[in-house]
Amino acid sequence: MSDADQQFDQFRGTSSYIASEELRHAVNVAVALARPLLVRGEPGTGKTLLAENLARSLGLSLIRWHVKSTTKAKDGLYVYDTVARLHDSRFGGDGHDVRDIARYIKLGPLGEALAAPSRVVLLIDEIDKADIEFPNDLLLELDAMRFRIDETGREVVAAERPVVVITSNNEKELPDAFLRRCVFHYIQFPTRELMTEIVRVHHPDITDRVLDNALEMFFGLRATPKLRKKPSTSELIDWICALRKANVDLSRVSGGIPFLGTLLKTEHDVELVSKRAKA
């Protein structure tokens, strides 16, 4: 493999994160092009864990920005704490000069990533939770990799472009202008073969018989019609852990699924599966 190939093929997963070939390609394209990677997929498919393991694989620090419905793009750059400044002006603030506005400027996650002295991984988690203008409000800073703090006149310029991973649960459509600037990947739910590898990472000493029985029951449950929320990978890992701690042998279970509440998370789904088991 040439040096250029090695530089492109930087991410291959980690010992604790099994990535499909398609996901590895998408990550490496985004890193090579210095474009944000937009990752979609049903909850529990490892979107957030991807950023954590990408940072670990590249040996970079991870900065997390968990987006909420009230999150504003500017908050990701910096926040000017006017309340603290007013308090200090009235009551004194550790002997500091309240005229020094820079003391009351706190960088947000995007601001920290751009101000970092070296390359970092920035996770913008669940971007679709914010209002529809939020992604567009990020375009300038993500393109220019710089921003200005209006209150002080300081301009923050990235020494190195951060690796940006953006996750979405597809709760709302994202603007076309934003999508054009991203490398996109949809994480398909793991096949049985890939799921076998994933489970063995978390339960390396699990026997073939126990794993086969668990997967048979798990994928059968996911195939149940009219489920509102299908069980995910993370729930499968927890369920197997519960089975092993309780010494439950699935091959000897008749009627129903033990610890069903570990896999299903709504009353509708639990009742639906319970009725089908009794039928």
C-alpha atoms as a PDB file:
ATOM      1  CA  MET A   1       0.000   0.000   0.000  1.00  0.00           C
ATOM      2  CA  SER A   2       1.408   3.415  -1.007  1.00  0.00           C
ATOM      3  CA  ASP A   3       1.781   6.363   1.378  1.00  0.00           C
ATOM      4  CA  ALA A   4      -1.171   8.038  -0.351  1.00  0.00           C
ATOM      5  CA  ASP A   5      -3.327   4.957   0.169  1.00  0.00           C
ATOM      6  CA  GLN A   6      -2.340   4.766   3.829  1.00  0.00           C
ATOM      7  CA  GLN A   7      -3.162   8.443   4.305  1.00  0.00           C
ATOM      8  CA  PHE A   8      -6.607   7.919   2.747  1.00  0.00           C
ATOM      9  CA  ASP A   9      -7.359   4.684   4.605  1.00  0.00           C
ATOM     10  CA  GLN A  10      -6.917   6.145   8.095  1.00  0.00           C
ATOM     11  CA  PHE A  11     -10.052   4.721   9.730  1.00  0.00           C
ATOM     12  CA  ARG A  12     -10.678   0.979   9.791  1.00  0.00           C
ATOM     13  CA  GLY A  13     -12.745   0.753  12.963  1.00  0.00           C
ATOM     14  CA  THR A  14     -11.302  -0.084  16.360  1.00  0.00           C
ATOM     15  CA  SER A  15     -11.124  -3.112  18.619  1.00  0.00           C
ATOM     16  CA  SER A  16     -14.419  -1.998  20.206  1.00  0.00           C
ATOM     17  CA  TYR A  17     -16.181  -0.618  17.116  1.00  0.00           C
ATOM     18  CA  ILE A  18     -16.865  -2.833  14.102  1.00  0.00           C
ATOM     19  CA  ALA A  19     -17.512  -0.654  11.043  1.00  0.00           C
ATOM     20  CA  SER A  20     -18.849  -1.917   7.725  1.00  0.00           C
ATOM     21  CA  GLU A  21     -16.758  -1.405   4.617  1.00  0.00           C
ATOM     22  CA  GLU A  22     -19.198   1.231   3.334  1.00  0.00           C
ATOM     23  CA  LEU A  23     -18.977   3.199   6.591  1.00  0.00           C
ATOM     24  CA  ARG A  24     -15.186   3.044   6.588  1.00  0.00           C
ATOM     25  CA  HIS A  25     -15.117   4.403   3.036  1.00  0.00           C
ATOM     26  CA  ALA A  26     -17.481   7.266   3.922  1.00  0.00           C
ATOM     27  CA  VAL A  27     -15.390   8.252   6.953  1.00  0.00           C
ATOM     28  CA  ASN A  28     -12.135   8.201   5.016  1.00  0.00           C
ATOM     29  CA  VAL A  29     -13.603  10.218   2.133  1.00  0.00           C
ATOM     30  CA  ALA A  30     -14.845  12.868   4.575  1.00  0.00           C
ATOM     31  CA  VAL A  31     -11.455  13.024   6.312  1.00  0.00           C
ATOM     32  CA  ALA A  32      -9.575  13.208   3.008  1.00  0.00           C
ATOM     33  CA  LEU A  33     -11.837  15.944   1.613  1.00  0.00           C
ATOM     34  CA  ALA A  34     -11.998  17.816   4.954  1.00  0.00           C
ATOM     35  CA  ARG A  35     -15.792  17.776   4.676  1.00  0.00           C
ATOM     36  CA  PRO A  36     -18.277  17.221   7.503  1.00  0.00           C
ATOM     37  CA  LEU A  37     -19.549  13.636   7.660  1.00  0.00           C
ATOM     38  CA  LEU A  38     -23.329  13.485   8.057  1.00  0.00           C
ATOM     39  CA  VAL A  39     -24.404  10.134   9.493  1.00  0.00           C
ATOM     40  CA  ARG A  40     -27.990   8.957   9.638  1.00  0.00           C
ATOM     41  CA  GLY A  41     -29.500   5.715  10.872  1.00  0.00           C
ATOM     42  CA  GLU A  42     -32.032   4.413  13.316  1.00  0.00           C
ATOM     43  CA  PRO A  43     -31.241   4.966  17.021  1.00  0.00           C
ATOM     44  CA  GLY A  44     -28.782   2.466  18.448  1.00  0.00           C
ATOM     45  CA  THR A  45     -26.789   1.852  15.271  1.00  0.00           C
ATOM     46  CA  GLY A  46     -23.633   3.482  16.638  1.00  0.00           C
ATOM     47  CA  LYS A  47     -23.705   6.988  15.157  1.00  0.00           C
ATOM     48  CA  THR A  48     -22.400   8.709  18.286  1.00  0.00           C
ATOM     49  CA  LEU A  49     -19.956   5.888  19.005  1.00  0.00           C
ATOM     50  CA  LEU A  50     -18.525   6.407  15.528  1.00  0.00           C
ATOM     51  CA  ALA A  51     -17.195   9.847  16.478  1.00  0.00           C
ATOM     52  CA  GLU A  52     -15.725   8.512  19.730  1.00  0.00           C
ATOM     53  CA  ASN A  53     -13.935   5.672  17.975  1.00  0.00           C
ATOM     54  CA  LEU A  54     -12.832   7.832  15.054  1.00  0.00           C
ATOM     55  CA  ALA A  55     -11.121  10.179  17.532  1.00  0.00           C
ATOM     56  CA  ARG A  56      -9.504   7.195  19.235  1.00  0.00           C
ATOM     57  CA  SER A  57      -8.371   5.725  15.909  1.00  0.00           C
ATOM     58  CA  LEU A  58      -6.800   9.001  14.748  1.00  0.00           C
ATOM     59  CA  GLY A  59      -5.337   9.791  18.173  1.00  0.00           C
ATOM     60  CA  LEU A  60      -7.272  13.077  18.391  1.00  0.00           C
ATOM     61  CA  SER A  61      -9.241  14.775  21.146  1.00  0.00           C
ATOM     62  CA  LEU A  62     -13.044  14.650  20.894  1.00  0.00           C
ATOM     63  CA  ILE A  63     -15.253  17.690  21.456  1.00  0.00           C
ATOM     64  CA  ARG A  64     -18.980  16.962  21.814  1.00  0.00           C
ATOM     65  CA  TRP A  65     -21.852  19.265  20.948  1.00  0.00           C
ATOM     66  CA  HIS A  66     -25.164  17.707  21.956  1.00  0.00           C
ATOM     67  CA  VAL A  67     -27.877  19.629  20.122  1.00  0.00           C
ATOM     68  CA  LYS A  68     -31.227  20.371  21.789  1.00  0.00           C
ATOM     69  CA  SER A  69     -34.434  21.930  20.518  1.00  0.00           C
ATOM     70  CA  THR A  70     -33.364  25.277  22.037  1.00  0.00           C
ATOM     71  CA  THR A  71     -29.779  25.199  20.699  1.00  0.00           C
ATOM     72  CA  LYS A  72     -28.684  28.164  18.588  1.00  0.00           C
ATOM     73  CA  ALA A  73     -25.767  28.040  16.170  1.00  0.00           C
ATOM     74  CA  LYS A  74     -24.079  31.059  17.758  1.00  0.00           C
ATOM     75  CA  ASP A  75     -24.032  29.266  21.130  1.00  0.00           C
ATOM     76  CA  GLY A  76     -21.732  26.711  19.533  1.00  0.00           C
ATOM     77  CA  LEU A  77     -19.234  29.482  18.793  1.00  0.00           C
ATOM     78  CA  TYR A  78     -19.253  31.431  22.037  1.00  0.00           C
ATOM     79  CA  VAL A  79     -21.441  32.819  24.816  1.00  0.00           C
ATOM     80  CA  TYR A  80     -21.057  36.269  26.365  1.00  0.00           C
ATOM     81  CA  ASP A  81     -21.967  35.978  30.053  1.00  0.00           C
ATOM     82  CA  THR A  82     -23.520  39.379  30.663  1.00  0.00           C
ATOM     83  CA  VAL A  83     -25.081  38.228  33.935  1.00  0.00           C
ATOM     84  CA  ALA A  84     -21.685  37.377  35.454  1.00  0.00           C
ATOM     85  CA  ARG A  85     -20.272  40.698  34.316  1.00  0.00           C
ATOM     86  CA  LEU A  86     -23.190  42.600  35.828  1.00  0.00           C
ATOM     87  CA  HIS A  87     -22.789  40.660  39.077  1.00  0.00           C
ATOM     88  CA  ASP A  88     -19.063  41.434  39.241  1.00  0.00           C
ATOM     89  CA  SER A  89     -19.660  45.111  38.497  1.00  0.00           C
ATOM     90  CA  ARG A  90     -22.059  45.341  41.434  1.00  0.00           C
ATOM     91  CA  PHE A  91     -20.383  43.105  43.981  1.00  0.00           C
ATOM     92  CA  GLY A  92     -16.803  42.789  42.807  1.00  0.00           C
ATOM     93  CA  GLY A  93     -15.351  39.815  41.016  1.00  0.00           C
ATOM     94  CA  ASP A  94     -12.112  38.459  42.486  1.00  0.00           C
ATOM     95  CA  GLY A  95     -10.413  41.785  41.949  1.00  0.00           C
ATOM     96  CA  HIS A  96     -10.668  41.547  38.133  1.00  0.00           C
ATOM     97  CA  ASP A  97     -11.444  44.507  35.899  1.00  0.00           C
ATOM     98  CA  VAL A  98     -15.002  44.119  34.641  1.00  0.00           C
ATOM     99  CA  ARG A  99     -14.009  46.230  31.640  1.00  0.00           C
ATOM    100  CA  ASP A 100     -12.101  43.178  30.384  1.00  0.00           C
ATOM    101  CA  ILE A 101     -14.954  41.663  28.394  1.00  0.00           C
ATOM    102  CA  ALA A 102     -12.793  38.733  27.298  1.00  0.00           C
ATOM    103  CA  ARG A 103     -13.117  37.317  30.822  1.00  0.00           C
ATOM    104  CA  TYR A 104     -16.831  36.831  30.216  1.00  0.00           C
ATOM    105  CA  ILE A 105     -16.542  35.138  26.827  1.00  0.00           C
ATOM    106  CA  LYS A 106     -16.855  31.363  26.926  1.00  0.00           C
ATOM    107  CA  LEU A 107     -16.219  29.376  23.776  1.00  0.00           C
ATOM    108  CA  GLY A 108     -18.822  26.821  22.728  1.00  0.00           C
ATOM    109  CA  PRO A 109     -18.004  23.386  21.279  1.00  0.00           C
ATOM    110  CA  LEU A 110     -17.522  24.638  17.709  1.00  0.00           C
ATOM    111  CA  GLY A 111     -15.506  27.583  19.000  1.00  0.00           C
ATOM    112  CA  GLU A 112     -13.288  25.235  21.022  1.00  0.00           C
ATOM    113  CA  ALA A 113     -12.728  23.046  17.963  1.00  0.00           C
ATOM    114  CA  LEU A 114     -11.693  26.022  15.835  1.00  0.00           C
ATOM    115  CA  ALA A 115      -9.525  27.523  18.593  1.00  0.00           C
ATOM    116  CA  ALA A 116      -7.755  24.237  19.359  1.00  0.00           C
ATOM    117  CA  PRO A 117      -3.986  24.352  18.759  1.00  0.00           C
ATOM    118  CA  SER A 118      -4.128  21.091  16.809  1.00  0.00           C
ATOM    119  CA  ARG A 119      -6.658  18.963  14.940  1.00  0.00           C
ATOM    120  CA  VAL A 120      -9.616  17.581  16.893  1.00  0.00           C
ATOM    121  CA  VAL A 121     -12.768  15.604  16.155  1.00  0.00           C
ATOM    122  CA  LEU A 122     -15.977  17.597  16.628  1.00  0.00           C
ATOM    123  CA  LEU A 123     -19.222  15.673  17.156  1.00  0.00           C
ATOM    124  CA  ILE A 124     -22.412  17.620  16.409  1.00  0.00           C
ATOM    125  CA  ASP A 125     -24.918  15.145  17.810  1.00  0.00           C
ATOM    126  CA  GLU A 126     -28.566  14.968  16.654  1.00  0.00           C
ATOM    127  CA  ILE A 127     -28.526  18.100  14.538  1.00  0.00           C
ATOM    128  CA  ASP A 128     -32.135  17.551  13.492  1.00  0.00           C
ATOM    129  CA  LYS A 129     -33.363  18.335  17.021  1.00  0.00           C
ATOM    130  CA  ALA A 130     -32.743  22.059  16.493  1.00  0.00           C
ATOM    131  CA  ASP A 131     -34.905  24.378  14.393  1.00  0.00           C
ATOM    132  CA  ILE A 132     -34.707  24.284  10.607  1.00  0.00           C
ATOM    133  CA  GLU A 133     -32.393  27.316  10.373  1.00  0.00           C
ATOM    134  CA  PHE A 134     -29.761  25.834  12.659  1.00  0.00           C
ATOM    135  CA  PRO A 135     -27.818  23.886   9.963  1.00  0.00           C
ATOM    136  CA  ASN A 136     -27.779  26.888   7.608  1.00  0.00           C
ATOM    137  CA  ASP A 137     -26.490  29.114  10.398  1.00  0.00           C
ATOM    138  CA  LEU A 138     -23.425  26.859  10.646  1.00  0.00           C
ATOM    139  CA  LEU A 139     -22.502  27.026   6.962  1.00  0.00           C
ATOM    140  CA  LEU A 140     -20.194  30.063   7.051  1.00  0.00           C
ATOM    141  CA  GLU A 141     -18.126  28.882  10.012  1.00  0.00           C
ATOM    142  CA  LEU A 142     -17.888  25.294   8.756  1.00  0.00           C
ATOM    143  CA  ASP A 143     -16.733  26.563   5.352  1.00  0.00           C
ATOM    144  CA  ALA A 144     -14.382  29.339   6.477  1.00  0.00           C
ATOM    145  CA  MET A 145     -13.177  27.618   9.668  1.00  0.00           C
ATOM    146  CA  ARG A 146     -13.052  30.994  11.405  1.00  0.00           C
ATOM    147  CA  PHE A 147     -15.320  33.349  13.301  1.00  0.00           C
ATOM    148  CA  ARG A 148     -15.211  36.741  14.997  1.00  0.00           C
ATOM    149  CA  ILE A 149     -16.139  37.509  18.609  1.00  0.00           C
ATOM    150  CA  ASP A 150     -18.079  40.741  18.166  1.00  0.00           C
ATOM    151  CA  GLU A 151     -17.718  41.928  21.764  1.00  0.00           C
ATOM    152  CA  THR A 152     -13.910  41.848  21.719  1.00  0.00           C
ATOM    153  CA  GLY A 153     -13.040  41.957  18.024  1.00  0.00           C
ATOM    154  CA  ARG A 154     -10.979  38.775  18.368  1.00  0.00           C
ATOM    155  CA  GLU A 155     -10.948  36.569  15.297  1.00  0.00           C
ATOM    156  CA  VAL A 156     -10.591  32.850  15.897  1.00  0.00           C
ATOM    157  CA  VAL A 157      -9.030  30.962  12.985  1.00  0.00           C
ATOM    158  CA  ALA A 158      -8.562  27.191  12.962  1.00  0.00           C
ATOM    159  CA  ALA A 159      -4.926  26.100  12.942  1.00  0.00           C
ATOM    160  CA  GLU A 160      -6.117  22.803  11.419  1.00  0.00           C
ATOM    161  CA  ARG A 161      -9.558  21.906  10.128  1.00  0.00           C
ATOM    162  CA  PRO A 162     -11.317  19.710  12.673  1.00  0.00           C
ATOM    163  CA  VAL A 163     -12.811  16.384  11.618  1.00  0.00           C
ATOM    164  CA  VAL A 164     -16.550  17.050  11.898  1.00  0.00           C
ATOM    165  CA  VAL A 165     -19.046  14.219  12.464  1.00  0.00           C
ATOM    166  CA  ILE A 166     -22.723  15.194  12.398  1.00  0.00           C
ATOM    167  CA  THR A 167     -25.441  12.743  13.419  1.00  0.00           C
ATOM    168  CA  SER A 168     -29.132  12.830  12.562  1.00  0.00           C
ATOM    169  CA  ASN A 169     -32.054  10.605  13.483  1.00  0.00           C
ATOM    170  CA  ASN A 170     -33.943  11.833  10.407  1.00  0.00           C
ATOM    171  CA  GLU A 171     -36.553  13.610  12.524  1.00  0.00           C
ATOM    172  CA  LYS A 172     -36.707  16.447   9.995  1.00  0.00           C
ATOM    173  CA  GLU A 173     -35.288  17.250   6.580  1.00  0.00           C
ATOM    174  CA  LEU A 174     -32.037  19.207   6.480  1.00  0.00           C
ATOM    175  CA  PRO A 175     -31.557  22.140   4.044  1.00  0.00           C
ATOM    176  CA  ASP A 176     -30.100  21.359   0.611  1.00  0.00           C
ATOM    177  CA  ALA A 177     -27.374  23.983   1.005  1.00  0.00           C
ATOM    178  CA  PHE A 178     -26.186  22.205   4.124  1.00  0.00           C
ATOM    179  CA  LEU A 179     -26.391  18.740   2.593  1.00  0.00           C
ATOM    180  CA  ARG A 180     -24.278  19.811  -0.385  1.00  0.00           C
ATOM    181  CA  ARG A 181     -21.348  20.520   1.912  1.00  0.00           C
ATOM    182  CA  CYS A 182     -21.399  17.126   3.635  1.00  0.00           C
ATOM    183  CA  VAL A 183     -20.313  13.597   2.884  1.00  0.00           C
ATOM    184  CA  PHE A 184     -23.375  11.480   3.657  1.00  0.00           C
ATOM    185  CA  HIS A 185     -23.710   7.939   4.957  1.00  0.00           C
ATOM    186  CA  TYR A 186     -26.721   6.001   6.166  1.00  0.00           C
ATOM    187  CA  ILE A 187     -25.784   3.292   8.652  1.00  0.00           C
ATOM    188  CA  GLN A 188     -27.788   0.240   7.684  1.00  0.00           C
ATOM    189  CA  PHE A 189     -28.842  -2.051  10.498  1.00  0.00           C
ATOM    190  CA  PRO A 190     -26.169  -4.747  10.839  1.00  0.00           C
ATOM    191  CA  THR A 191     -26.619  -8.046   9.042  1.00  0.00           C
ATOM    192  CA  ARG A 192     -26.597 -11.174  11.157  1.00  0.00           C
ATOM    193  CA  GLU A 193     -22.960 -11.783  10.226  1.00  0.00           C
ATOM    194  CA  LEU A 194     -21.862  -8.268  11.206  1.00  0.00           C
ATOM    195  CA  MET A 195     -23.973  -8.413  14.355  1.00  0.00           C
ATOM    196  CA  THR A 196     -22.160 -11.603  15.329  1.00  0.00           C
ATOM    197  CA  GLU A 197     -18.850  -9.716  15.156  1.00  0.00           C
ATOM    198  CA  ILE A 198     -20.259  -6.800  17.152  1.00  0.00           C
ATOM    199  CA  VAL A 199     -21.609  -9.015  19.927  1.00  0.00           C
ATOM    200  CA  ARG A 200     -18.312 -10.892  20.215  1.00  0.00           C
ATOM    201  CA  VAL A 201     -16.509  -7.578  20.789  1.00  0.00           C
ATOM    202  CA  HIS A 202     -18.667  -6.977  23.856  1.00  0.00           C
ATOM    203  CA  HIS A 203     -19.011 -10.624  24.930  1.00  0.00           C
ATOM    204  CA  PRO A 204     -15.778 -12.291  23.729  1.00  0.00           C
ATOM    205  CA  ASP A 205     -16.371 -15.485  25.710  1.00  0.00           C
ATOM    206  CA  ILE A 206     -19.948 -16.105  24.568  1.00  0.00           C
ATOM    207  CA  THR A 207     -20.506 -19.580  23.156  1.00  0.00           C
ATOM    208  CA  ASP A 208     -21.714 -20.160  19.609  1.00  0.00           C
ATOM    209  CA  ARG A 209     -24.896 -21.843  20.854  1.00  0.00           C
ATOM    210  CA  VAL A 210     -25.859 -18.994  23.177  1.00  0.00           C
ATOM    211  CA  LEU A 211     -25.094 -16.385  20.526  1.00  0.00           C
ATOM    212  CA  ASP A 212     -27.027 -18.221  17.807  1.00  0.00           C
ATOM    213  CA  ASN A 213     -30.075 -18.587  20.059  1.00  0.00           C
ATOM    214  CA  ALA A 214     -29.941 -14.918  21.085  1.00  0.00           C
ATOM    215  CA  LEU A 215     -29.629 -13.678  17.509  1.00  0.00           C
ATOM    216  CA  GLU A 216     -32.406 -15.953  16.307  1.00  0.00           C
ATOM    217  CA  MET A 217     -34.763 -14.541  18.914  1.00  0.00           C
ATOM    218  CA  PHE A 218     -33.555 -10.963  18.431  1.00  0.00           C
ATOM    219  CA  PHE A 219     -33.931 -10.840  14.637  1.00  0.00           C
ATOM    220  CA  GLY A 220     -37.255 -12.658  14.905  1.00  0.00           C
ATOM    221  CA  LEU A 221     -38.416  -9.937  17.287  1.00  0.00           C
ATOM    222  CA  ARG A 222     -37.262  -7.188  14.906  1.00  0.00           C
ATOM    223  CA  ALA A 223     -39.289  -8.843  12.136  1.00  0.00           C
ATOM    224  CA  THR A 224     -42.506  -8.590  14.173  1.00  0.00           C
ATOM    225  CA  PRO A 225     -45.045  -6.512  12.194  1.00  0.00           C
ATOM    226  CA  LYS A 226     -46.319  -3.203  13.636  1.00  0.00           C
ATOM    227  CA  LEU A 227     -43.538  -2.690  16.203  1.00  0.00           C
ATOM    228  CA  ARG A 228     -43.261   1.014  16.987  1.00  0.00           C
ATOM    229  CA  LYS A 229     -39.603   0.791  18.002  1.00  0.00           C
ATOM    230  CA  LYS A 230     -37.508  -2.132  16.880  1.00  0.00           C
ATOM    231  CA  PRO A 231     -34.790  -3.225  19.316  1.00  0.00           C
ATOM    232  CA  SER A 232     -31.355  -1.859  18.452  1.00  0.00           C
ATOM    233  CA  THR A 233     -27.782  -3.098  18.669  1.00  0.00           C
ATOM    234  CA  SER A 234     -27.162  -1.483  22.048  1.00  0.00           C
ATOM    235  CA  GLU A 235     -30.300  -3.109  23.441  1.00  0.00           C
ATOM    236  CA  LEU A 236     -29.183  -6.502  22.136  1.00  0.00           C
ATOM    237  CA  ILE A 237     -25.851  -6.116  23.945  1.00  0.00           C
ATOM    238  CA  ASP A 238     -27.641  -5.240  27.198  1.00  0.00           C
ATOM    239  CA  TRP A 239     -30.119  -8.103  26.772  1.00  0.00           C
ATOM    240  CA  ILE A 240     -27.387 -10.689  26.288  1.00  0.00           C
ATOM    241  CA  CYS A 241     -25.618  -9.297  29.354  1.00  0.00           C
ATOM    242  CA  ALA A 242     -28.807  -9.700  31.389  1.00  0.00           C
ATOM    243  CA  LEU A 243     -29.332 -13.261  30.113  1.00  0.00           C
ATOM    244  CA  ARG A 244     -25.797 -14.257  31.062  1.00  0.00           C
ATOM    245  CA  LYS A 245     -25.943 -12.697  34.509  1.00  0.00           C
ATOM    246  CA  ALA A 246     -29.183 -14.558  35.199  1.00  0.00           C
ATOM    247  CA  ASN A 247     -27.848 -17.799  33.658  1.00  0.00           C
ATOM    248  CA  VAL A 248     -30.831 -18.021  31.312  1.00  0.00           C
ATOM    249  CA  ASP A 249     -30.563 -20.701  28.617  1.00  0.00           C
ATOM    250  CA  LEU A 250     -32.681 -19.498  25.692  1.00  0.00           C
ATOM    251  CA  SER A 251     -32.834 -22.984  24.194  1.00  0.00           C
ATOM    252  CA  ARG A 252     -34.864 -24.051  27.223  1.00  0.00           C
ATOM    253  CA  VAL A 253     -37.217 -21.083  27.271  1.00  0.00           C
ATOM    254  CA  SER A 254     -40.744 -21.870  26.144  1.00  0.00           C
ATOM    255  CA  GLY A 255     -43.313 -19.144  25.580  1.00  0.00           C
ATOM    256  CA  GLY A 256     -42.262 -15.522  25.697  1.00  0.00           C
ATOM    257  CA  ILE A 257     -38.936 -13.702  25.726  1.00  0.00           C
ATOM    258  CA  PRO A 258     -37.141 -13.265  29.056  1.00  0.00           C
ATOM    259  CA  PHE A 259     -36.316  -9.692  30.122  1.00  0.00           C
ATOM    260  CA  LEU A 260     -38.452  -8.348  27.279  1.00  0.00           C
ATOM    261  CA  GLY A 261     -38.289  -4.828  28.718  1.00  0.00           C
ATOM    262  CA  THR A 262     -34.580  -4.744  27.915  1.00  0.00           C
ATOM    263  CA  LEU A 263     -35.392  -5.030  24.210  1.00  0.00           C
ATOM    264  CA  LEU A 264     -38.737  -3.256  23.842  1.00  0.00           C
ATOM    265  CA  LYS A 265     -39.370   0.198  25.226  1.00  0.00           C
ATOM    266  CA  THR A 266     -43.067   0.923  24.691  1.00  0.00           C
ATOM    267  CA  GLU A 267     -46.183  -0.577  26.275  1.00  0.00           C
ATOM    268  CA  HIS A 268     -47.683  -1.097  22.810  1.00  0.00           C
ATOM    269  CA  ASP A 269     -44.740  -3.212  21.637  1.00  0.00           C
ATOM    270  CA  VAL A 270     -44.574  -5.285  24.823  1.00  0.00           C
ATOM    271  CA  GLU A 271     -48.301  -6.061  24.635  1.00  0.00           C
ATOM    272  CA  LEU A 272     -48.065  -6.844  20.925  1.00  0.00           C
ATOM    273  CA  VAL A 273     -45.230  -9.341  21.337  1.00  0.00           C
ATOM    274  CA  SER A 274     -46.780 -10.888  24.470  1.00  0.00           C
ATOM    275  CA  LYS A 275     -50.078 -11.506  22.653  1.00  0.00           C
ATOM    276  CA  ARG A 276     -48.278 -13.107  19.713  1.00  0.00           C
ATOM    277  CA  ALA A 277     -46.358 -15.402  22.082  1.00  0.00           C
ATOM    278  CA  LYS A 278     -49.610 -16.603  23.667  1.00  0.00           C
ATOM    279  CA  ALA A 279     -51.355 -17.093  20.330  1.00  0.00           C
END
